[in-house]
Amino acid sequence: GWGSAVQFEFVGVGEESFFRGVLNNGFSDWLGPGYGLLASSAAFGLAHSGEAGTATPGVAFVFGLYLGFLHQADSYALGQVVALHYWWDLLMTVVALKKHDAATVLPIAHVYLRF
């Protein structure tokens, strides 16, 4: 569980740096704020599969709209959206660990060795 706290800090920083810091900024400069927000949110949604504890594409798209809106409203600063993404991921992990069944506890990596 504690490892997840560190893991999701990196996820929040990495995803928000790319999807908001690069894509939302770039698409908003190119297409305007409205279409830029839609384009970066669509990319965020498509990057999520719903597998291994991630959001489904539809949920990620809606969350991306919210994060992108906050990003734009905060003069394109990343601090607020990184913090929100981090806490969302961490709270979802706490819920999954609290359930503690085989369907919700997911390994970070699988290692297969051939002998």
PDB file of N, CA and C in Angstrom:
ATOM      1  N   GLY A   1       0.789  -1.190   0.000  1.00  0.00           N
ATOM      2  CA  GLY A   1       0.000   0.000   0.000  1.00  0.00           C
ATOM      3  C   GLY A   1       0.843   1.272   0.000  1.00  0.00           C
ATOM      4  N   TRP A   2       1.922   1.278   0.817  1.00  0.00           N
ATOM      5  CA  TRP A   2       2.770   2.477   0.867  1.00  0.00           C
ATOM      6  C   TRP A   2       3.503   2.688  -0.444  1.00  0.00           C
ATOM      7  N   GLY A   3       3.849   1.592  -1.106  1.00  0.00           N
ATOM      8  CA  GLY A   3       4.499   1.715  -2.416  1.00  0.00           C
ATOM      9  C   GLY A   3       3.590   2.404  -3.418  1.00  0.00           C
ATOM     10  N   SER A   4       2.291   2.186  -3.269  1.00  0.00           N
ATOM     11  CA  SER A   4       1.331   2.831  -4.173  1.00  0.00           C
ATOM     12  C   SER A   4       1.347   4.344  -4.016  1.00  0.00           C
ATOM     13  N   ALA A   5       1.577   4.827  -2.804  1.00  0.00           N
ATOM     14  CA  ALA A   5       1.622   6.278  -2.590  1.00  0.00           C
ATOM     15  C   ALA A   5       2.733   6.906  -3.418  1.00  0.00           C
ATOM     16  N   VAL A   6       3.879   6.258  -3.466  1.00  0.00           N
ATOM     17  CA  VAL A   6       5.001   6.761  -4.263  1.00  0.00           C
ATOM     18  C   VAL A   6       4.725   6.551  -5.745  1.00  0.00           C
ATOM     19  N   GLN A   7       4.220   5.368  -6.090  1.00  0.00           N
ATOM     20  CA  GLN A   7       3.931   5.054  -7.491  1.00  0.00           C
ATOM     21  C   GLN A   7       2.975   6.081  -8.091  1.00  0.00           C
ATOM     22  N   PHE A   8       1.922   6.419  -7.400  1.00  0.00           N
ATOM     23  CA  PHE A   8       0.926   7.316  -7.959  1.00  0.00           C
ATOM     24  C   PHE A   8       1.380   8.768  -7.991  1.00  0.00           C
ATOM     25  N   GLU A   9       2.376   9.121  -7.174  1.00  0.00           N
ATOM     26  CA  GLU A   9       2.967  10.454  -7.321  1.00  0.00           C
ATOM     27  C   GLU A   9       3.644  10.549  -8.678  1.00  0.00           C
ATOM     28  N   PHE A  10       4.367   9.497  -9.059  1.00  0.00           N
ATOM     29  CA  PHE A  10       5.024   9.491 -10.367  1.00  0.00           C
ATOM     30  C   PHE A  10       4.010   9.447 -11.505  1.00  0.00           C
ATOM     31  N   VAL A  11       2.930   8.684 -11.316  1.00  0.00           N
ATOM     32  CA  VAL A  11       1.881   8.620 -12.344  1.00  0.00           C
ATOM     33  C   VAL A  11       1.240   9.995 -12.513  1.00  0.00           C
ATOM     34  N   GLY A  12       0.893  10.640 -11.411  1.00  0.00           N
ATOM     35  CA  GLY A  12       0.267  11.958 -11.468  1.00  0.00           C
ATOM     36  C   GLY A  12       1.162  12.986 -12.150  1.00  0.00           C
ATOM     37  N   VAL A  13       2.431  13.003 -11.793  1.00  0.00           N
ATOM     38  CA  VAL A  13       3.360  13.956 -12.402  1.00  0.00           C
ATOM     39  C   VAL A  13       3.556  13.634 -13.879  1.00  0.00           C
ATOM     40  N   GLY A  14       3.782  12.369 -14.195  1.00  0.00           N
ATOM     41  CA  GLY A  14       4.047  11.981 -15.579  1.00  0.00           C
ATOM     42  C   GLY A  14       2.867  12.197 -16.503  1.00  0.00           C
ATOM     43  N   GLU A  15       1.705  11.688 -16.110  1.00  0.00           N
ATOM     44  CA  GLU A  15       0.531  11.830 -16.976  1.00  0.00           C
ATOM     45  C   GLU A  15       0.105  13.284 -17.115  1.00  0.00           C
ATOM     46  N   GLU A  16       0.117  14.025 -16.038  1.00  0.00           N
ATOM     47  CA  GLU A  16      -0.311  15.416 -16.134  1.00  0.00           C
ATOM     48  C   GLU A  16       0.706  16.265 -16.894  1.00  0.00           C
ATOM     49  N   SER A  17       1.978  15.966 -16.738  1.00  0.00           N
ATOM     50  CA  SER A  17       2.992  16.685 -17.519  1.00  0.00           C
ATOM     51  C   SER A  17       2.770  16.474 -19.005  1.00  0.00           C
ATOM     52  N   PHE A  18       2.446  15.242 -19.395  1.00  0.00           N
ATOM     53  CA  PHE A  18       2.232  14.961 -20.810  1.00  0.00           C
ATOM     54  C   PHE A  18       0.863  15.436 -21.292  1.00  0.00           C
ATOM     55  N   PHE A  19      -0.207  14.944 -20.665  1.00  0.00           N
ATOM     56  CA  PHE A  19      -1.548  15.216 -21.183  1.00  0.00           C
ATOM     57  C   PHE A  19      -1.993  16.664 -20.999  1.00  0.00           C
ATOM     58  N   ARG A  20      -1.622  17.296 -19.907  1.00  0.00           N
ATOM     59  CA  ARG A  20      -1.980  18.693 -19.723  1.00  0.00           C
ATOM     60  C   ARG A  20      -0.828  19.592 -20.167  1.00  0.00           C
ATOM     61  N   GLY A  21       0.372  19.337 -19.661  1.00  0.00           N
ATOM     62  CA  GLY A  21       1.503  20.219 -19.946  1.00  0.00           C
ATOM     63  C   GLY A  21       1.916  20.256 -21.405  1.00  0.00           C
ATOM     64  N   VAL A  22       1.838  19.121 -22.092  1.00  0.00           N
ATOM     65  CA  VAL A  22       2.224  19.078 -23.504  1.00  0.00           C
ATOM     66  C   VAL A  22       0.985  19.142 -24.405  1.00  0.00           C
ATOM     67  N   LEU A  23       0.080  18.163 -24.250  1.00  0.00           N
ATOM     68  CA  LEU A  23      -1.051  18.086 -25.183  1.00  0.00           C
ATOM     69  C   LEU A  23      -2.068  19.205 -25.003  1.00  0.00           C
ATOM     70  N   ASN A  24      -2.501  19.464 -23.783  1.00  0.00           N
ATOM     71  CA  ASN A  24      -3.505  20.518 -23.585  1.00  0.00           C
ATOM     72  C   ASN A  24      -2.939  21.880 -23.994  1.00  0.00           C
ATOM     73  N   ASN A  25      -1.688  22.140 -23.616  1.00  0.00           N
ATOM     74  CA  ASN A  25      -1.064  23.396 -24.038  1.00  0.00           C
ATOM     75  C   ASN A  25      -0.955  23.473 -25.559  1.00  0.00           C
ATOM     76  N   GLY A  26      -0.437  22.400 -26.155  1.00  0.00           N
ATOM     77  CA  GLY A  26      -0.222  22.397 -27.604  1.00  0.00           C
ATOM     78  C   GLY A  26      -1.506  22.472 -28.406  1.00  0.00           C
ATOM     79  N   PHE A  27      -2.477  21.621 -28.053  1.00  0.00           N
ATOM     80  CA  PHE A  27      -3.757  21.639 -28.767  1.00  0.00           C
ATOM     81  C   PHE A  27      -4.505  22.953 -28.547  1.00  0.00           C
ATOM     82  N   SER A  28      -4.402  23.513 -27.345  1.00  0.00           N
ATOM     83  CA  SER A  28      -5.085  24.781 -27.067  1.00  0.00           C
ATOM     84  C   SER A  28      -4.463  25.929 -27.863  1.00  0.00           C
ATOM     85  N   ASP A  29      -3.147  25.913 -28.005  1.00  0.00           N
ATOM     86  CA  ASP A  29      -2.486  26.928 -28.836  1.00  0.00           C
ATOM     87  C   ASP A  29      -2.895  26.770 -30.297  1.00  0.00           C
ATOM     88  N   TRP A  30      -2.996  25.524 -30.743  1.00  0.00           N
ATOM     89  CA  TRP A  30      -3.268  25.236 -32.155  1.00  0.00           C
ATOM     90  C   TRP A  30      -4.754  25.384 -32.501  1.00  0.00           C
ATOM     91  N   LEU A  31      -5.645  24.823 -31.651  1.00  0.00           N
ATOM     92  CA  LEU A  31      -7.072  24.745 -31.962  1.00  0.00           C
ATOM     93  C   LEU A  31      -7.942  25.701 -31.152  1.00  0.00           C
ATOM     94  N   GLY A  32      -7.379  26.338 -30.167  1.00  0.00           N
ATOM     95  CA  GLY A  32      -8.156  27.150 -29.242  1.00  0.00           C
ATOM     96  C   GLY A  32      -8.461  26.352 -27.987  1.00  0.00           C
ATOM     97  N   PRO A  33      -8.812  27.021 -26.893  1.00  0.00           N
ATOM     98  CA  PRO A  33      -8.996  26.339 -25.612  1.00  0.00           C
ATOM     99  C   PRO A  33     -10.069  25.250 -25.611  1.00  0.00           C
ATOM    100  N   GLY A  34     -11.207  25.488 -26.252  1.00  0.00           N
ATOM    101  CA  GLY A  34     -12.291  24.499 -26.240  1.00  0.00           C
ATOM    102  C   GLY A  34     -11.927  23.212 -26.954  1.00  0.00           C
ATOM    103  N   TYR A  35     -11.495  23.340 -28.203  1.00  0.00           N
ATOM    104  CA  TYR A  35     -11.120  22.151 -28.969  1.00  0.00           C
ATOM    105  C   TYR A  35      -9.833  21.526 -28.443  1.00  0.00           C
ATOM    106  N   GLY A  36      -8.944  22.356 -27.917  1.00  0.00           N
ATOM    107  CA  GLY A  36      -7.732  21.829 -27.301  1.00  0.00           C
ATOM    108  C   GLY A  36      -8.045  20.963 -26.101  1.00  0.00           C
ATOM    109  N   LEU A  37      -9.011  21.420 -25.303  1.00  0.00           N
ATOM    110  CA  LEU A  37      -9.456  20.653 -24.147  1.00  0.00           C
ATOM    111  C   LEU A  37     -10.063  19.319 -24.584  1.00  0.00           C
ATOM    112  N   LEU A  38     -10.912  19.347 -25.606  1.00  0.00           N
ATOM    113  CA  LEU A  38     -11.517  18.111 -26.106  1.00  0.00           C
ATOM    114  C   LEU A  38     -10.468  17.147 -26.660  1.00  0.00           C
ATOM    115  N   ALA A  39      -9.518  17.667 -27.421  1.00  0.00           N
ATOM    116  CA  ALA A  39      -8.497  16.807 -28.029  1.00  0.00           C
ATOM    117  C   ALA A  39      -7.598  16.171 -26.975  1.00  0.00           C
ATOM    118  N   SER A  40      -7.136  16.955 -26.012  1.00  0.00           N
ATOM    119  CA  SER A  40      -6.256  16.392 -24.979  1.00  0.00           C
ATOM    120  C   SER A  40      -7.018  15.420 -24.078  1.00  0.00           C
ATOM    121  N   SER A  41      -8.290  15.682 -23.828  1.00  0.00           N
ATOM    122  CA  SER A  41      -9.114  14.769 -23.012  1.00  0.00           C
ATOM    123  C   SER A  41      -9.385  13.468 -23.750  1.00  0.00           C
ATOM    124  N   ALA A  42      -9.599  13.558 -25.065  1.00  0.00           N
ATOM    125  CA  ALA A  42      -9.795  12.342 -25.864  1.00  0.00           C
ATOM    126  C   ALA A  42      -8.532  11.489 -25.842  1.00  0.00           C
ATOM    127  N   ALA A  43      -7.371  12.120 -25.965  1.00  0.00           N
ATOM    128  CA  ALA A  43      -6.110  11.374 -25.896  1.00  0.00           C
ATOM    129  C   ALA A  43      -5.945  10.718 -24.525  1.00  0.00           C
ATOM    130  N   PHE A  44      -6.308  11.435 -23.472  1.00  0.00           N
ATOM    131  CA  PHE A  44      -6.234  10.883 -22.113  1.00  0.00           C
ATOM    132  C   PHE A  44      -7.166   9.681 -21.987  1.00  0.00           C
ATOM    133  N   GLY A  45      -8.367   9.790 -22.525  1.00  0.00           N
ATOM    134  CA  GLY A  45      -9.308   8.673 -22.488  1.00  0.00           C
ATOM    135  C   GLY A  45      -8.795   7.469 -23.256  1.00  0.00           C
ATOM    136  N   LEU A  46      -8.237   7.698 -24.433  1.00  0.00           N
ATOM    137  CA  LEU A  46      -7.722   6.597 -25.251  1.00  0.00           C
ATOM    138  C   LEU A  46      -6.504   5.921 -24.629  1.00  0.00           C
ATOM    139  N   ALA A  47      -5.806   6.616 -23.755  1.00  0.00           N
ATOM    140  CA  ALA A  47      -4.635   6.042 -23.088  1.00  0.00           C
ATOM    141  C   ALA A  47      -5.016   5.116 -21.934  1.00  0.00           C
ATOM    142  N   HIS A  48      -6.277   5.035 -21.599  1.00  0.00           N
ATOM    143  CA  HIS A  48      -6.742   4.190 -20.498  1.00  0.00           C
ATOM    144  C   HIS A  48      -7.600   3.062 -21.043  1.00  0.00           C
ATOM    145  N   SER A  49      -7.371   1.871 -20.507  1.00  0.00           N
ATOM    146  CA  SER A  49      -8.067   0.690 -21.021  1.00  0.00           C
ATOM    147  C   SER A  49      -9.100   0.126 -20.059  1.00  0.00           C
ATOM    148  N   GLY A  50      -9.052   0.516 -18.815  1.00  0.00           N
ATOM    149  CA  GLY A  50      -9.931  -0.078 -17.831  1.00  0.00           C
ATOM    150  C   GLY A  50      -9.359  -1.359 -17.245  1.00  0.00           C
ATOM    151  N   GLU A  51      -8.196  -1.772 -17.709  1.00  0.00           N
ATOM    152  CA  GLU A  51      -7.560  -2.991 -17.208  1.00  0.00           C
ATOM    153  C   GLU A  51      -6.519  -2.648 -16.146  1.00  0.00           C
ATOM    154  N   ALA A  52      -6.215  -3.613 -15.325  1.00  0.00           N
ATOM    155  CA  ALA A  52      -5.179  -3.489 -14.287  1.00  0.00           C
ATOM    156  C   ALA A  52      -5.421  -2.295 -13.365  1.00  0.00           C
ATOM    157  N   GLY A  53      -6.679  -2.058 -13.044  1.00  0.00           N
ATOM    158  CA  GLY A  53      -6.999  -1.013 -12.101  1.00  0.00           C
ATOM    159  C   GLY A  53      -7.043   0.388 -12.675  1.00  0.00           C
ATOM    160  N   THR A  54      -6.919   0.529 -13.991  1.00  0.00           N
ATOM    161  CA  THR A  54      -6.980   1.870 -14.582  1.00  0.00           C
ATOM    162  C   THR A  54      -8.422   2.230 -14.894  1.00  0.00           C
ATOM    163  N   ALA A  55      -8.649   3.498 -15.157  1.00  0.00           N
ATOM    164  CA  ALA A  55      -9.986   3.968 -15.521  1.00  0.00           C
ATOM    165  C   ALA A  55     -10.353   3.462 -16.916  1.00  0.00           C
ATOM    166  N   THR A  56     -11.636   3.366 -17.156  1.00  0.00           N
ATOM    167  CA  THR A  56     -12.103   3.039 -18.501  1.00  0.00           C
ATOM    168  C   THR A  56     -11.908   4.275 -19.384  1.00  0.00           C
ATOM    169  N   PRO A  57     -11.895   4.104 -20.708  1.00  0.00           N
ATOM    170  CA  PRO A  57     -11.713   5.267 -21.581  1.00  0.00           C
ATOM    171  C   PRO A  57     -12.742   6.375 -21.352  1.00  0.00           C
ATOM    172  N   GLY A  58     -13.998   6.019 -21.142  1.00  0.00           N
ATOM    173  CA  GLY A  58     -15.034   7.033 -20.921  1.00  0.00           C
ATOM    174  C   GLY A  58     -14.837   7.802 -19.629  1.00  0.00           C
ATOM    175  N   VAL A  59     -14.534   7.096 -18.559  1.00  0.00           N
ATOM    176  CA  VAL A  59     -14.298   7.754 -17.267  1.00  0.00           C
ATOM    177  C   VAL A  59     -13.048   8.631 -17.360  1.00  0.00           C
ATOM    178  N   ALA A  60     -11.996   8.120 -18.006  1.00  0.00           N
ATOM    179  CA  ALA A  60     -10.771   8.904 -18.151  1.00  0.00           C
ATOM    180  C   ALA A  60     -11.014  10.149 -19.012  1.00  0.00           C
ATOM    181  N   PHE A  61     -11.853  10.033 -20.036  1.00  0.00           N
ATOM    182  CA  PHE A  61     -12.177  11.194 -20.870  1.00  0.00           C
ATOM    183  C   PHE A  61     -12.857  12.276 -20.037  1.00  0.00           C
ATOM    184  N   VAL A  62     -13.848  11.894 -19.237  1.00  0.00           N
ATOM    185  CA  VAL A  62     -14.566  12.867 -18.401  1.00  0.00           C
ATOM    186  C   VAL A  62     -13.629  13.468 -17.348  1.00  0.00           C
ATOM    187  N   PHE A  63     -12.809  12.629 -16.724  1.00  0.00           N
ATOM    188  CA  PHE A  63     -11.844  13.126 -15.742  1.00  0.00           C
ATOM    189  C   PHE A  63     -10.834  14.048 -16.428  1.00  0.00           C
ATOM    190  N   GLY A  64     -10.441  13.696 -17.663  1.00  0.00           N
ATOM    191  CA  GLY A  64      -9.536  14.539 -18.440  1.00  0.00           C
ATOM    192  C   GLY A  64     -10.144  15.897 -18.751  1.00  0.00           C
ATOM    193  N   LEU A  65     -11.460  15.907 -19.044  1.00  0.00           N
ATOM    194  CA  LEU A  65     -12.142  17.194 -19.263  1.00  0.00           C
ATOM    195  C   LEU A  65     -12.055  18.072 -18.018  1.00  0.00           C
ATOM    196  N   TYR A  66     -12.305  17.456 -16.866  1.00  0.00           N
ATOM    197  CA  TYR A  66     -12.258  18.211 -15.616  1.00  0.00           C
ATOM    198  C   TYR A  66     -10.843  18.714 -15.323  1.00  0.00           C
ATOM    199  N   LEU A  67      -9.858  17.816 -15.449  1.00  0.00           N
ATOM    200  CA  LEU A  67      -8.476  18.217 -15.195  1.00  0.00           C
ATOM    201  C   LEU A  67      -8.016  19.279 -16.183  1.00  0.00           C
ATOM    202  N   GLY A  68      -8.385  19.110 -17.460  1.00  0.00           N
ATOM    203  CA  GLY A  68      -8.006  20.091 -18.472  1.00  0.00           C
ATOM    204  C   GLY A  68      -8.645  21.447 -18.225  1.00  0.00           C
ATOM    205  N   PHE A  69      -9.908  21.429 -17.800  1.00  0.00           N
ATOM    206  CA  PHE A  69     -10.588  22.683 -17.464  1.00  0.00           C
ATOM    207  C   PHE A  69      -9.873  23.383 -16.308  1.00  0.00           C
ATOM    208  N   LEU A  70      -9.530  22.624 -15.259  1.00  0.00           N
ATOM    209  CA  LEU A  70      -8.802  23.213 -14.129  1.00  0.00           C
ATOM    210  C   LEU A  70      -7.449  23.751 -14.571  1.00  0.00           C
ATOM    211  N   HIS A  71      -6.786  23.004 -15.428  1.00  0.00           N
ATOM    212  CA  HIS A  71      -5.480  23.413 -15.954  1.00  0.00           C
ATOM    213  C   HIS A  71      -5.591  24.740 -16.688  1.00  0.00           C
ATOM    214  N   GLN A  72      -6.585  24.867 -17.537  1.00  0.00           N
ATOM    215  CA  GLN A  72      -6.774  26.114 -18.276  1.00  0.00           C
ATOM    216  C   GLN A  72      -7.193  27.257 -17.348  1.00  0.00           C
ATOM    217  N   ALA A  73      -8.075  26.959 -16.414  1.00  0.00           N
ATOM    218  CA  ALA A  73      -8.566  27.988 -15.487  1.00  0.00           C
ATOM    219  C   ALA A  73      -7.459  28.494 -14.555  1.00  0.00           C
ATOM    220  N   ASP A  74      -6.441  27.663 -14.336  1.00  0.00           N
ATOM    221  CA  ASP A  74      -5.323  28.022 -13.464  1.00  0.00           C
ATOM    222  C   ASP A  74      -4.133  28.540 -14.284  1.00  0.00           C
ATOM    223  N   SER A  75      -4.437  29.186 -15.400  1.00  0.00           N
ATOM    224  CA  SER A  75      -3.406  29.771 -16.277  1.00  0.00           C
ATOM    225  C   SER A  75      -2.387  28.736 -16.750  1.00  0.00           C
ATOM    226  N   TYR A  76      -2.866  27.517 -16.986  1.00  0.00           N
ATOM    227  CA  TYR A  76      -2.059  26.414 -17.512  1.00  0.00           C
ATOM    228  C   TYR A  76      -0.943  25.977 -16.559  1.00  0.00           C
ATOM    229  N   ALA A  77      -1.133  26.194 -15.267  1.00  0.00           N
ATOM    230  CA  ALA A  77      -0.198  25.697 -14.259  1.00  0.00           C
ATOM    231  C   ALA A  77      -0.540  24.239 -13.951  1.00  0.00           C
ATOM    232  N   LEU A  78       0.458  23.431 -13.642  1.00  0.00           N
ATOM    233  CA  LEU A  78       0.249  21.995 -13.453  1.00  0.00           C
ATOM    234  C   LEU A  78       0.038  21.555 -12.003  1.00  0.00           C
ATOM    235  N   GLY A  79       0.390  22.385 -11.038  1.00  0.00           N
ATOM    236  CA  GLY A  79       0.366  21.954  -9.643  1.00  0.00           C
ATOM    237  C   GLY A  79      -0.967  21.396  -9.179  1.00  0.00           C
ATOM    238  N   GLN A  80      -2.039  22.092  -9.454  1.00  0.00           N
ATOM    239  CA  GLN A  80      -3.365  21.679  -8.998  1.00  0.00           C
ATOM    240  C   GLN A  80      -3.794  20.340  -9.617  1.00  0.00           C
ATOM    241  N   VAL A  81      -3.566  20.172 -10.919  1.00  0.00           N
ATOM    242  CA  VAL A  81      -4.018  18.937 -11.576  1.00  0.00           C
ATOM    243  C   VAL A  81      -3.145  17.749 -11.198  1.00  0.00           C
ATOM    244  N   VAL A  82      -1.858  17.976 -10.964  1.00  0.00           N
ATOM    245  CA  VAL A  82      -0.988  16.882 -10.494  1.00  0.00           C
ATOM    246  C   VAL A  82      -1.463  16.412  -9.124  1.00  0.00           C
ATOM    247  N   ALA A  83      -1.732  17.350  -8.234  1.00  0.00           N
ATOM    248  CA  ALA A  83      -2.190  16.997  -6.886  1.00  0.00           C
ATOM    249  C   ALA A  83      -3.517  16.255  -6.925  1.00  0.00           C
ATOM    250  N   LEU A  84      -4.453  16.737  -7.722  1.00  0.00           N
ATOM    251  CA  LEU A  84      -5.758  16.084  -7.819  1.00  0.00           C
ATOM    252  C   LEU A  84      -5.639  14.675  -8.403  1.00  0.00           C
ATOM    253  N   HIS A  85      -4.848  14.518  -9.448  1.00  0.00           N
ATOM    254  CA  HIS A  85      -4.648  13.205 -10.068  1.00  0.00           C
ATOM    255  C   HIS A  85      -4.013  12.237  -9.059  1.00  0.00           C
ATOM    256  N   TYR A  86      -3.011  12.712  -8.341  1.00  0.00           N
ATOM    257  CA  TYR A  86      -2.350  11.887  -7.322  1.00  0.00           C
ATOM    258  C   TYR A  86      -3.349  11.395  -6.278  1.00  0.00           C
ATOM    259  N   TRP A  87      -4.135  12.305  -5.724  1.00  0.00           N
ATOM    260  CA  TRP A  87      -5.066  11.907  -4.671  1.00  0.00           C
ATOM    261  C   TRP A  87      -6.159  10.990  -5.191  1.00  0.00           C
ATOM    262  N   TRP A  88      -6.617  11.210  -6.396  1.00  0.00           N
ATOM    263  CA  TRP A  88      -7.624  10.327  -6.992  1.00  0.00           C
ATOM    264  C   TRP A  88      -7.066   8.910  -7.107  1.00  0.00           C
ATOM    265  N   ASP A  89      -5.878   8.772  -7.687  1.00  0.00           N
ATOM    266  CA  ASP A  89      -5.276   7.451  -7.852  1.00  0.00           C
ATOM    267  C   ASP A  89      -5.021   6.786  -6.506  1.00  0.00           C
ATOM    268  N   LEU A  90      -4.531   7.535  -5.548  1.00  0.00           N
ATOM    269  CA  LEU A  90      -4.247   6.983  -4.232  1.00  0.00           C
ATOM    270  C   LEU A  90      -5.524   6.512  -3.540  1.00  0.00           C
ATOM    271  N   LEU A  91      -6.587   7.312  -3.607  1.00  0.00           N
ATOM    272  CA  LEU A  91      -7.844   6.914  -2.965  1.00  0.00           C
ATOM    273  C   LEU A  91      -8.458   5.689  -3.648  1.00  0.00           C
ATOM    274  N   MET A  92      -8.348   5.597  -4.963  1.00  0.00           N
ATOM    275  CA  MET A  92      -8.855   4.419  -5.663  1.00  0.00           C
ATOM    276  C   MET A  92      -8.063   3.167  -5.277  1.00  0.00           C
ATOM    277  N   THR A  93      -6.776   3.318  -5.027  1.00  0.00           N
ATOM    278  CA  THR A  93      -5.946   2.197  -4.577  1.00  0.00           C
ATOM    279  C   THR A  93      -6.333   1.780  -3.169  1.00  0.00           C
ATOM    280  N   VAL A  94      -6.596   2.739  -2.300  1.00  0.00           N
ATOM    281  CA  VAL A  94      -7.027   2.421  -0.930  1.00  0.00           C
ATOM    282  C   VAL A  94      -8.331   1.629  -0.970  1.00  0.00           C
ATOM    283  N   VAL A  95      -9.256   2.031  -1.829  1.00  0.00           N
ATOM    284  CA  VAL A  95     -10.521   1.307  -1.965  1.00  0.00           C
ATOM    285  C   VAL A  95     -10.257  -0.121  -2.437  1.00  0.00           C
ATOM    286  N   ALA A  96      -9.389  -0.283  -3.436  1.00  0.00           N
ATOM    287  CA  ALA A  96      -9.085  -1.623  -3.955  1.00  0.00           C
ATOM    288  C   ALA A  96      -8.400  -2.478  -2.893  1.00  0.00           C
ATOM    289  N   LEU A  97      -7.464  -1.907  -2.145  1.00  0.00           N
ATOM    290  CA  LEU A  97      -6.775  -2.669  -1.106  1.00  0.00           C
ATOM    291  C   LEU A  97      -7.708  -3.009   0.047  1.00  0.00           C
ATOM    292  N   LYS A  98      -8.658  -2.142   0.318  1.00  0.00           N
ATOM    293  CA  LYS A  98      -9.616  -2.407   1.398  1.00  0.00           C
ATOM    294  C   LYS A  98     -10.500  -3.599   1.049  1.00  0.00           C
ATOM    295  N   LYS A  99     -10.883  -3.695  -0.220  1.00  0.00           N
ATOM    296  CA  LYS A  99     -11.669  -4.851  -0.665  1.00  0.00           C
ATOM    297  C   LYS A  99     -10.837  -6.123  -0.566  1.00  0.00           C
ATOM    298  N   HIS A 100      -9.566  -6.015  -0.880  1.00  0.00           N
ATOM    299  CA  HIS A 100      -8.571  -7.079  -0.754  1.00  0.00           C
ATOM    300  C   HIS A 100      -9.049  -8.437  -1.259  1.00  0.00           C
ATOM    301  N   ASP A 101      -9.539  -8.465  -2.473  1.00  0.00           N
ATOM    302  CA  ASP A 101      -9.827  -9.756  -3.067  1.00  0.00           C
ATOM    303  C   ASP A 101      -8.958  -9.915  -4.311  1.00  0.00           C
ATOM    304  N   ALA A 102      -8.933 -11.106  -4.859  1.00  0.00           N
ATOM    305  CA  ALA A 102      -8.041 -11.418  -5.975  1.00  0.00           C
ATOM    306  C   ALA A 102      -8.325 -10.561  -7.200  1.00  0.00           C
ATOM    307  N   ALA A 103      -9.539 -10.087  -7.353  1.00  0.00           N
ATOM    308  CA  ALA A 103      -9.885  -9.290  -8.535  1.00  0.00           C
ATOM    309  C   ALA A 103      -9.386  -7.851  -8.433  1.00  0.00           C
ATOM    310  N   THR A 104      -9.141  -7.346  -7.220  1.00  0.00           N
ATOM    311  CA  THR A 104      -8.772  -5.942  -7.092  1.00  0.00           C
ATOM    312  C   THR A 104      -7.322  -5.734  -6.687  1.00  0.00           C
ATOM    313  N   VAL A 105      -6.667  -6.732  -6.116  1.00  0.00           N
ATOM    314  CA  VAL A 105      -5.263  -6.586  -5.757  1.00  0.00           C
ATOM    315  C   VAL A 105      -4.443  -7.003  -6.967  1.00  0.00           C
ATOM    316  N   LEU A 106      -3.736  -6.045  -7.527  1.00  0.00           N
ATOM    317  CA  LEU A 106      -3.036  -6.280  -8.778  1.00  0.00           C
ATOM    318  C   LEU A 106      -1.544  -6.099  -8.594  1.00  0.00           C
ATOM    319  N   PRO A 107      -0.758  -7.005  -9.145  1.00  0.00           N
ATOM    320  CA  PRO A 107       0.696  -6.841  -9.034  1.00  0.00           C
ATOM    321  C   PRO A 107       1.173  -5.695  -9.919  1.00  0.00           C
ATOM    322  N   ILE A 108       2.285  -5.086  -9.528  1.00  0.00           N
ATOM    323  CA  ILE A 108       2.869  -4.024 -10.331  1.00  0.00           C
ATOM    324  C   ILE A 108       3.540  -4.632 -11.573  1.00  0.00           C
ATOM    325  N   ALA A 109       4.133  -5.801 -11.421  1.00  0.00           N
ATOM    326  CA  ALA A 109       4.818  -6.428 -12.558  1.00  0.00           C
ATOM    327  C   ALA A 109       4.735  -7.941 -12.410  1.00  0.00           C
ATOM    328  N   HIS A 110       4.756  -8.627 -13.520  1.00  0.00           N
ATOM    329  CA  HIS A 110       4.858 -10.086 -13.540  1.00  0.00           C
ATOM    330  C   HIS A 110       6.248 -10.447 -14.042  1.00  0.00           C
ATOM    331  N   VAL A 111       6.864 -11.410 -13.400  1.00  0.00           N
ATOM    332  CA  VAL A 111       8.176 -11.868 -13.844  1.00  0.00           C
ATOM    333  C   VAL A 111       8.043 -13.338 -14.195  1.00  0.00           C
ATOM    334  N   TYR A 112       8.398 -13.678 -15.407  1.00  0.00           N
ATOM    335  CA  TYR A 112       8.364 -15.047 -15.870  1.00  0.00           C
ATOM    336  C   TYR A 112       9.781 -15.495 -16.172  1.00  0.00           C
ATOM    337  N   LEU A 113      10.174 -16.617 -15.597  1.00  0.00           N
ATOM    338  CA  LEU A 113      11.513 -17.160 -15.826  1.00  0.00           C
ATOM    339  C   LEU A 113      11.380 -18.542 -16.452  1.00  0.00           C
ATOM    340  N   ARG A 114      12.210 -18.811 -17.394  1.00  0.00           N
ATOM    341  CA  ARG A 114      12.208 -20.132 -18.029  1.00  0.00           C
ATOM    342  C   ARG A 114      13.413 -20.904 -17.518  1.00  0.00           C
ATOM    343  N   PHE A 115      13.144 -22.131 -17.042  1.00  0.00           N
ATOM    344  CA  PHE A 115      14.223 -22.974 -16.531  1.00  0.00           C
ATOM    345  C   PHE A 115      14.499 -24.096 -17.496  1.00  0.00           C
TER     346      PHE A 115
END
